[in-house]
Amino acid sequence: MDESMRHDIALFRYGLIAPLVNGQVEPKTYLKEVSERVHHVPHQGDKRIAAKTILDWCTRYKKGGFDALKPKRRSDRGHSRRLSPDDEDHILALRKEHPTMPVTVFYEHLIEQGEIPENHTSYFTIYRLLKKHNLVGKE
């Protein structure tokens, strides 16, 4: 998610909390009304937003200002959620032994050889890892 998207979402969040922060509405009534509606969240689509979430945004805004309303960046950005660094190194080493094998075949080979458990690591996880290291080749 780029900075522009994060900014758009923060603006949307501020739009919902501004009446509360500025004391323009009675909180209980406003929260009930807002949480019952479906809102179009920029870059995320239509969603209902719980009153607790709106109160959380108010707290974050009061403590950290507008920037606190921006979605946080993933702490594991750029890293696989299913593969440990050791697993990644092992798979990359195996790939170097079979550099011309299509990724689909390589993925099946990993499962057949017991290198990755079936239904544990998706094809796309392996594909992204190989692509990140320029080891995809021509499919």
N, C-alpha and C. Protein backbone atom coordinates (compact mmCIF):
# COMPACT_ATOMS: atom_id res chain seq x y z
N MET A 1 0.86 -1.17 0.00
CA MET A 1 0.00 0.00 0.00
C MET A 1 0.90 1.23 0.00
N ASP A 2 0.71 2.09 -1.01
CA ASP A 2 1.58 3.27 -1.09
C ASP A 2 1.07 4.40 -0.18
N GLU A 3 1.86 5.44 -0.08
CA GLU A 3 1.56 6.54 0.84
C GLU A 3 0.25 7.25 0.47
N SER A 4 -0.03 7.37 -0.80
CA SER A 4 -1.26 8.02 -1.25
C SER A 4 -2.50 7.24 -0.78
N MET A 5 -2.44 5.94 -0.87
CA MET A 5 -3.55 5.09 -0.41
C MET A 5 -3.72 5.22 1.11
N ARG A 6 -2.61 5.18 1.83
CA ARG A 6 -2.66 5.32 3.28
C ARG A 6 -3.28 6.67 3.67
N HIS A 7 -2.93 7.73 2.92
CA HIS A 7 -3.45 9.07 3.18
C HIS A 7 -4.97 9.09 2.93
N ASP A 8 -5.42 8.49 1.82
CA ASP A 8 -6.85 8.45 1.50
C ASP A 8 -7.64 7.76 2.61
N ILE A 9 -7.12 6.67 3.11
CA ILE A 9 -7.80 5.93 4.18
C ILE A 9 -7.83 6.76 5.47
N ALA A 10 -6.74 7.44 5.77
CA ALA A 10 -6.70 8.30 6.96
C ALA A 10 -7.73 9.43 6.84
N LEU A 11 -7.87 10.00 5.64
CA LEU A 11 -8.88 11.05 5.43
C LEU A 11 -10.29 10.50 5.67
N PHE A 12 -10.55 9.31 5.17
CA PHE A 12 -11.85 8.68 5.40
C PHE A 12 -12.09 8.50 6.90
N ARG A 13 -11.10 7.97 7.59
CA ARG A 13 -11.23 7.74 9.03
C ARG A 13 -11.47 9.06 9.77
N TYR A 14 -10.73 10.08 9.39
CA TYR A 14 -10.91 11.38 10.04
C TYR A 14 -12.32 11.90 9.81
N GLY A 15 -12.83 11.70 8.59
CA GLY A 15 -14.20 12.13 8.28
C GLY A 15 -15.23 11.50 9.21
N LEU A 16 -15.00 10.25 9.59
CA LEU A 16 -15.92 9.58 10.50
C LEU A 16 -15.77 10.06 11.95
N ILE A 17 -14.56 10.34 12.35
CA ILE A 17 -14.34 10.69 13.77
C ILE A 17 -14.44 12.18 14.05
N ALA A 18 -14.36 13.02 13.03
CA ALA A 18 -14.35 14.49 13.24
C ALA A 18 -15.53 14.97 14.09
N PRO A 19 -16.76 14.53 13.82
CA PRO A 19 -17.86 15.01 14.67
C PRO A 19 -17.68 14.65 16.15
N LEU A 20 -17.07 13.50 16.42
CA LEU A 20 -16.82 13.10 17.80
C LEU A 20 -15.71 13.93 18.42
N VAL A 21 -14.61 14.05 17.69
CA VAL A 21 -13.44 14.78 18.19
C VAL A 21 -13.78 16.24 18.46
N ASN A 22 -14.61 16.82 17.60
CA ASN A 22 -14.97 18.24 17.73
C ASN A 22 -16.17 18.48 18.64
N GLY A 23 -16.72 17.41 19.21
CA GLY A 23 -17.84 17.55 20.14
C GLY A 23 -19.14 18.01 19.49
N GLN A 24 -19.31 17.72 18.21
CA GLN A 24 -20.50 18.18 17.48
C GLN A 24 -21.70 17.25 17.65
N VAL A 25 -21.47 16.04 18.15
CA VAL A 25 -22.54 15.05 18.24
C VAL A 25 -22.54 14.39 19.61
N GLU A 26 -23.65 13.77 19.93
CA GLU A 26 -23.74 12.98 21.15
C GLU A 26 -23.11 11.62 20.80
N PRO A 27 -22.04 11.23 21.48
CA PRO A 27 -21.27 10.05 21.09
C PRO A 27 -22.07 8.75 20.93
N LYS A 28 -22.89 8.41 21.89
CA LYS A 28 -23.60 7.14 21.85
C LYS A 28 -24.51 7.04 20.62
N THR A 29 -25.27 8.09 20.37
CA THR A 29 -26.19 8.12 19.22
C THR A 29 -25.41 8.07 17.91
N TYR A 30 -24.36 8.89 17.82
CA TYR A 30 -23.56 8.94 16.60
C TYR A 30 -22.91 7.59 16.31
N LEU A 31 -22.31 6.98 17.31
CA LEU A 31 -21.65 5.69 17.10
C LEU A 31 -22.64 4.62 16.66
N LYS A 32 -23.84 4.63 17.24
CA LYS A 32 -24.86 3.65 16.85
C LYS A 32 -25.24 3.86 15.39
N GLU A 33 -25.47 5.10 15.02
CA GLU A 33 -25.88 5.44 13.65
C GLU A 33 -24.79 5.06 12.64
N VAL A 34 -23.57 5.46 12.92
CA VAL A 34 -22.46 5.24 11.98
C VAL A 34 -22.13 3.75 11.86
N SER A 35 -22.18 3.02 12.95
CA SER A 35 -21.81 1.60 12.90
C SER A 35 -22.87 0.75 12.20
N GLU A 36 -24.07 1.26 12.04
CA GLU A 36 -25.12 0.51 11.36
C GLU A 36 -25.09 0.70 9.84
N ARG A 37 -24.37 1.70 9.37
CA ARG A 37 -24.29 1.98 7.93
C ARG A 37 -23.15 1.22 7.28
N VAL A 38 -23.27 1.05 5.96
CA VAL A 38 -22.17 0.51 5.15
C VAL A 38 -21.45 1.71 4.56
N HIS A 39 -20.14 1.73 4.70
CA HIS A 39 -19.32 2.85 4.22
C HIS A 39 -18.42 2.38 3.09
N HIS A 40 -18.18 3.27 2.15
CA HIS A 40 -17.23 2.95 1.08
C HIS A 40 -15.85 3.42 1.53
N VAL A 41 -15.02 2.48 1.91
CA VAL A 41 -13.67 2.79 2.38
C VAL A 41 -12.75 2.85 1.16
N PRO A 42 -12.01 3.95 0.99
CA PRO A 42 -11.11 4.06 -0.17
C PRO A 42 -10.15 2.87 -0.26
N HIS A 43 -10.06 2.31 -1.45
CA HIS A 43 -9.12 1.23 -1.76
C HIS A 43 -9.46 -0.09 -1.05
N GLN A 44 -10.58 -0.13 -0.32
CA GLN A 44 -10.94 -1.35 0.40
C GLN A 44 -12.36 -1.80 0.13
N GLY A 45 -13.19 -0.92 -0.42
CA GLY A 45 -14.55 -1.30 -0.74
C GLY A 45 -15.55 -0.98 0.36
N ASP A 46 -16.73 -1.59 0.24
CA ASP A 46 -17.81 -1.33 1.18
C ASP A 46 -17.67 -2.17 2.44
N LYS A 47 -17.79 -1.50 3.59
CA LYS A 47 -17.63 -2.19 4.88
C LYS A 47 -18.49 -1.53 5.95
N ARG A 48 -18.83 -2.33 6.94
CA ARG A 48 -19.42 -1.80 8.17
C ARG A 48 -18.26 -1.57 9.13
N ILE A 49 -18.38 -0.54 9.93
CA ILE A 49 -17.30 -0.21 10.85
C ILE A 49 -17.86 -0.20 12.27
N ALA A 50 -17.29 -1.03 13.11
CA ALA A 50 -17.77 -1.17 14.48
C ALA A 50 -17.51 0.10 15.29
N ALA A 51 -18.41 0.35 16.22
CA ALA A 51 -18.28 1.51 17.11
C ALA A 51 -16.94 1.49 17.85
N LYS A 52 -16.52 0.30 18.26
CA LYS A 52 -15.24 0.15 18.97
C LYS A 52 -14.07 0.61 18.08
N THR A 53 -14.15 0.31 16.80
CA THR A 53 -13.09 0.72 15.87
C THR A 53 -13.06 2.24 15.75
N ILE A 54 -14.22 2.85 15.67
CA ILE A 54 -14.30 4.31 15.56
C ILE A 54 -13.73 4.96 16.82
N LEU A 55 -14.04 4.40 17.98
CA LEU A 55 -13.48 4.93 19.23
C LEU A 55 -11.96 4.75 19.26
N ASP A 56 -11.49 3.63 18.74
CA ASP A 56 -10.04 3.39 18.66
C ASP A 56 -9.38 4.45 17.78
N TRP A 57 -10.00 4.77 16.65
CA TRP A 57 -9.46 5.81 15.76
C TRP A 57 -9.42 7.16 16.48
N CYS A 58 -10.45 7.46 17.28
CA CYS A 58 -10.47 8.72 18.04
C CYS A 58 -9.28 8.78 19.00
N THR A 59 -9.05 7.70 19.70
CA THR A 59 -7.94 7.63 20.66
C THR A 59 -6.61 7.81 19.94
N ARG A 60 -6.45 7.10 18.83
CA ARG A 60 -5.20 7.20 18.06
C ARG A 60 -4.99 8.62 17.56
N TYR A 61 -6.08 9.25 17.08
CA TYR A 61 -5.98 10.62 16.57
C TYR A 61 -5.58 11.59 17.69
N LYS A 62 -6.19 11.44 18.85
CA LYS A 62 -5.88 12.34 19.97
C LYS A 62 -4.43 12.19 20.43
N LYS A 63 -3.90 10.97 20.34
CA LYS A 63 -2.52 10.73 20.77
C LYS A 63 -1.50 11.08 19.69
N GLY A 64 -1.82 10.76 18.43
CA GLY A 64 -0.80 10.89 17.39
C GLY A 64 -1.15 11.75 16.20
N GLY A 65 -2.31 12.40 16.24
CA GLY A 65 -2.69 13.27 15.12
C GLY A 65 -3.10 12.48 13.88
N PHE A 66 -3.14 13.19 12.77
CA PHE A 66 -3.63 12.62 11.52
C PHE A 66 -2.84 11.38 11.09
N ASP A 67 -1.53 11.41 11.24
CA ASP A 67 -0.69 10.28 10.81
C ASP A 67 -1.05 8.99 11.55
N ALA A 68 -1.57 9.11 12.75
CA ALA A 68 -1.95 7.92 13.52
C ALA A 68 -3.16 7.21 12.91
N LEU A 69 -3.88 7.90 12.03
CA LEU A 69 -5.04 7.29 11.37
C LEU A 69 -4.66 6.49 10.12
N LYS A 70 -3.43 6.65 9.68
CA LYS A 70 -2.99 5.91 8.49
C LYS A 70 -2.79 4.43 8.85
N PRO A 71 -3.18 3.54 7.94
CA PRO A 71 -2.93 2.12 8.20
C PRO A 71 -1.43 1.89 8.39
N LYS A 72 -1.11 1.04 9.33
CA LYS A 72 0.31 0.73 9.58
C LYS A 72 0.84 -0.15 8.45
N ARG A 73 2.11 0.00 8.20
CA ARG A 73 2.77 -0.88 7.22
C ARG A 73 2.99 -2.23 7.89
N ARG A 74 2.93 -3.28 7.11
CA ARG A 74 3.15 -4.62 7.65
C ARG A 74 4.57 -4.72 8.20
N SER A 75 4.72 -5.28 9.36
CA SER A 75 6.05 -5.44 9.94
C SER A 75 6.84 -6.54 9.23
N ASP A 76 6.12 -7.46 8.56
CA ASP A 76 6.81 -8.55 7.86
C ASP A 76 6.85 -8.30 6.35
N ARG A 77 6.70 -7.04 5.95
CA ARG A 77 6.69 -6.71 4.53
C ARG A 77 7.95 -7.22 3.84
N GLY A 78 7.74 -7.91 2.73
CA GLY A 78 8.86 -8.44 1.96
C GLY A 78 9.33 -9.81 2.42
N HIS A 79 8.69 -10.36 3.43
CA HIS A 79 9.06 -11.68 3.94
C HIS A 79 7.86 -12.61 3.86
N SER A 80 8.13 -13.86 3.62
CA SER A 80 7.07 -14.85 3.57
C SER A 80 6.49 -15.07 4.95
N ARG A 81 5.18 -15.29 5.00
CA ARG A 81 4.54 -15.59 6.28
C ARG A 81 4.55 -17.08 6.56
N ARG A 82 4.81 -17.88 5.54
CA ARG A 82 4.78 -19.34 5.69
C ARG A 82 6.17 -19.97 5.74
N LEU A 83 7.17 -19.27 5.27
CA LEU A 83 8.51 -19.85 5.20
C LEU A 83 9.45 -19.11 6.14
N SER A 84 10.18 -19.87 6.93
CA SER A 84 11.21 -19.26 7.77
C SER A 84 12.40 -18.88 6.88
N PRO A 85 13.27 -18.03 7.35
CA PRO A 85 14.47 -17.70 6.56
C PRO A 85 15.28 -18.95 6.19
N ASP A 86 15.36 -19.94 7.11
CA ASP A 86 16.08 -21.18 6.80
C ASP A 86 15.39 -21.96 5.69
N ASP A 87 14.04 -22.01 5.75
CA ASP A 87 13.28 -22.69 4.69
C ASP A 87 13.49 -22.00 3.35
N GLU A 88 13.47 -20.67 3.37
CA GLU A 88 13.69 -19.92 2.13
C GLU A 88 15.06 -20.24 1.55
N ASP A 89 16.10 -20.23 2.39
CA ASP A 89 17.46 -20.54 1.92
C ASP A 89 17.53 -21.94 1.33
N HIS A 90 16.88 -22.89 1.98
CA HIS A 90 16.89 -24.28 1.52
C HIS A 90 16.20 -24.40 0.15
N ILE A 91 15.05 -23.76 0.00
CA ILE A 91 14.33 -23.81 -1.27
C ILE A 91 15.13 -23.12 -2.37
N LEU A 92 15.76 -22.01 -2.06
CA LEU A 92 16.58 -21.31 -3.06
C LEU A 92 17.76 -22.18 -3.49
N ALA A 93 18.36 -22.89 -2.54
CA ALA A 93 19.48 -23.78 -2.87
C ALA A 93 19.00 -24.92 -3.78
N LEU A 94 17.83 -25.47 -3.48
CA LEU A 94 17.27 -26.53 -4.33
C LEU A 94 16.96 -26.00 -5.73
N ARG A 95 16.46 -24.77 -5.78
CA ARG A 95 16.15 -24.19 -7.08
C ARG A 95 17.40 -24.05 -7.93
N LYS A 96 18.50 -23.72 -7.30
CA LYS A 96 19.75 -23.57 -8.05
C LYS A 96 20.22 -24.91 -8.62
N GLU A 97 19.76 -26.00 -8.03
CA GLU A 97 20.07 -27.33 -8.57
C GLU A 97 19.18 -27.64 -9.78
N HIS A 98 18.02 -26.97 -9.88
CA HIS A 98 17.06 -27.21 -10.97
C HIS A 98 16.63 -25.88 -11.58
N PRO A 99 17.57 -25.11 -12.13
CA PRO A 99 17.23 -23.76 -12.58
C PRO A 99 16.30 -23.68 -13.79
N THR A 100 16.26 -24.71 -14.61
CA THR A 100 15.43 -24.64 -15.82
C THR A 100 14.06 -25.28 -15.64
N MET A 101 13.86 -25.91 -14.51
CA MET A 101 12.58 -26.57 -14.26
C MET A 101 11.49 -25.51 -14.11
N PRO A 102 10.35 -25.66 -14.82
CA PRO A 102 9.26 -24.70 -14.64
C PRO A 102 8.84 -24.65 -13.16
N VAL A 103 8.41 -23.50 -12.71
CA VAL A 103 8.07 -23.33 -11.29
C VAL A 103 6.97 -24.29 -10.87
N THR A 104 6.00 -24.52 -11.75
CA THR A 104 4.91 -25.44 -11.39
C THR A 104 5.46 -26.84 -11.12
N VAL A 105 6.38 -27.29 -11.96
CA VAL A 105 6.99 -28.61 -11.79
C VAL A 105 7.89 -28.60 -10.55
N PHE A 106 8.63 -27.51 -10.36
CA PHE A 106 9.51 -27.39 -9.19
C PHE A 106 8.69 -27.46 -7.90
N TYR A 107 7.55 -26.79 -7.88
CA TYR A 107 6.67 -26.81 -6.71
C TYR A 107 6.21 -28.24 -6.43
N GLU A 108 5.75 -28.94 -7.45
CA GLU A 108 5.32 -30.33 -7.28
C GLU A 108 6.49 -31.20 -6.81
N HIS A 109 7.68 -30.92 -7.34
CA HIS A 109 8.89 -31.66 -6.93
C HIS A 109 9.16 -31.45 -5.43
N LEU A 110 9.01 -30.23 -4.95
CA LEU A 110 9.22 -29.93 -3.52
C LEU A 110 8.26 -30.74 -2.65
N ILE A 111 7.01 -30.84 -3.08
CA ILE A 111 6.01 -31.61 -2.32
C ILE A 111 6.34 -33.10 -2.36
N GLU A 112 6.63 -33.61 -3.58
CA GLU A 112 6.93 -35.04 -3.74
C GLU A 112 8.15 -35.47 -2.93
N GLN A 113 9.14 -34.60 -2.83
CA GLN A 113 10.37 -34.92 -2.11
C GLN A 113 10.25 -34.65 -0.60
N GLY A 114 9.10 -34.15 -0.18
CA GLY A 114 8.89 -33.88 1.24
C GLY A 114 9.60 -32.63 1.73
N GLU A 115 10.00 -31.76 0.81
CA GLU A 115 10.70 -30.53 1.19
C GLU A 115 9.73 -29.51 1.79
N ILE A 116 8.49 -29.54 1.31
CA ILE A 116 7.43 -28.71 1.89
C ILE A 116 6.20 -29.58 2.06
N PRO A 117 5.48 -29.44 3.17
CA PRO A 117 4.27 -30.24 3.37
C PRO A 117 3.16 -29.81 2.41
N GLU A 118 2.43 -30.76 1.86
CA GLU A 118 1.31 -30.45 0.98
C GLU A 118 0.28 -29.64 1.77
N ASN A 119 -0.34 -28.69 1.13
CA ASN A 119 -1.36 -27.82 1.72
C ASN A 119 -0.82 -26.91 2.82
N HIS A 120 0.50 -26.79 2.95
CA HIS A 120 1.08 -25.89 3.95
C HIS A 120 1.59 -24.62 3.29
N THR A 121 2.31 -24.78 2.19
CA THR A 121 2.89 -23.66 1.48
C THR A 121 2.33 -23.65 0.07
N SER A 122 1.75 -22.54 -0.33
CA SER A 122 1.11 -22.47 -1.64
C SER A 122 2.13 -22.32 -2.77
N TYR A 123 1.68 -22.64 -3.94
CA TYR A 123 2.48 -22.45 -5.15
C TYR A 123 2.90 -20.98 -5.25
N PHE A 124 1.97 -20.07 -4.96
CA PHE A 124 2.26 -18.65 -5.11
C PHE A 124 3.32 -18.16 -4.13
N THR A 125 3.39 -18.76 -2.95
CA THR A 125 4.44 -18.41 -1.99
C THR A 125 5.81 -18.77 -2.58
N ILE A 126 5.89 -19.96 -3.16
CA ILE A 126 7.14 -20.40 -3.79
C ILE A 126 7.46 -19.52 -4.99
N TYR A 127 6.44 -19.25 -5.81
CA TYR A 127 6.64 -18.43 -7.00
C TYR A 127 7.17 -17.03 -6.62
N ARG A 128 6.54 -16.40 -5.61
CA ARG A 128 6.99 -15.06 -5.19
C ARG A 128 8.43 -15.09 -4.67
N LEU A 129 8.78 -16.13 -3.92
CA LEU A 129 10.14 -16.27 -3.41
C LEU A 129 11.13 -16.35 -4.57
N LEU A 130 10.82 -17.19 -5.55
CA LEU A 130 11.73 -17.36 -6.69
C LEU A 130 11.79 -16.10 -7.53
N LYS A 131 10.67 -15.45 -7.71
CA LYS A 131 10.63 -14.21 -8.49
C LYS A 131 11.46 -13.13 -7.81
N LYS A 132 11.35 -13.03 -6.50
CA LYS A 132 12.10 -12.04 -5.73
C LYS A 132 13.61 -12.21 -5.94
N HIS A 133 14.03 -13.45 -6.15
CA HIS A 133 15.46 -13.75 -6.32
C HIS A 133 15.82 -14.01 -7.79
N ASN A 134 14.94 -13.60 -8.69
CA ASN A 134 15.16 -13.76 -10.14
C ASN A 134 15.46 -15.19 -10.53
N LEU A 135 14.73 -16.13 -9.94
CA LEU A 135 14.94 -17.55 -10.23
C LEU A 135 13.71 -18.20 -10.85
N VAL A 136 12.87 -17.39 -11.48
CA VAL A 136 11.65 -17.92 -12.09
C VAL A 136 11.95 -18.53 -13.44
N GLY A 137 12.72 -17.88 -14.27
CA GLY A 137 13.01 -18.37 -15.61
C GLY A 137 11.83 -18.08 -16.52
N LYS A 138 11.84 -18.69 -17.67
CA LYS A 138 10.77 -18.47 -18.64
C LYS A 138 9.77 -19.59 -18.52
N GLU A 139 8.57 -19.23 -18.20
CA GLU A 139 7.49 -20.22 -18.00
C GLU A 139 6.85 -20.57 -19.31
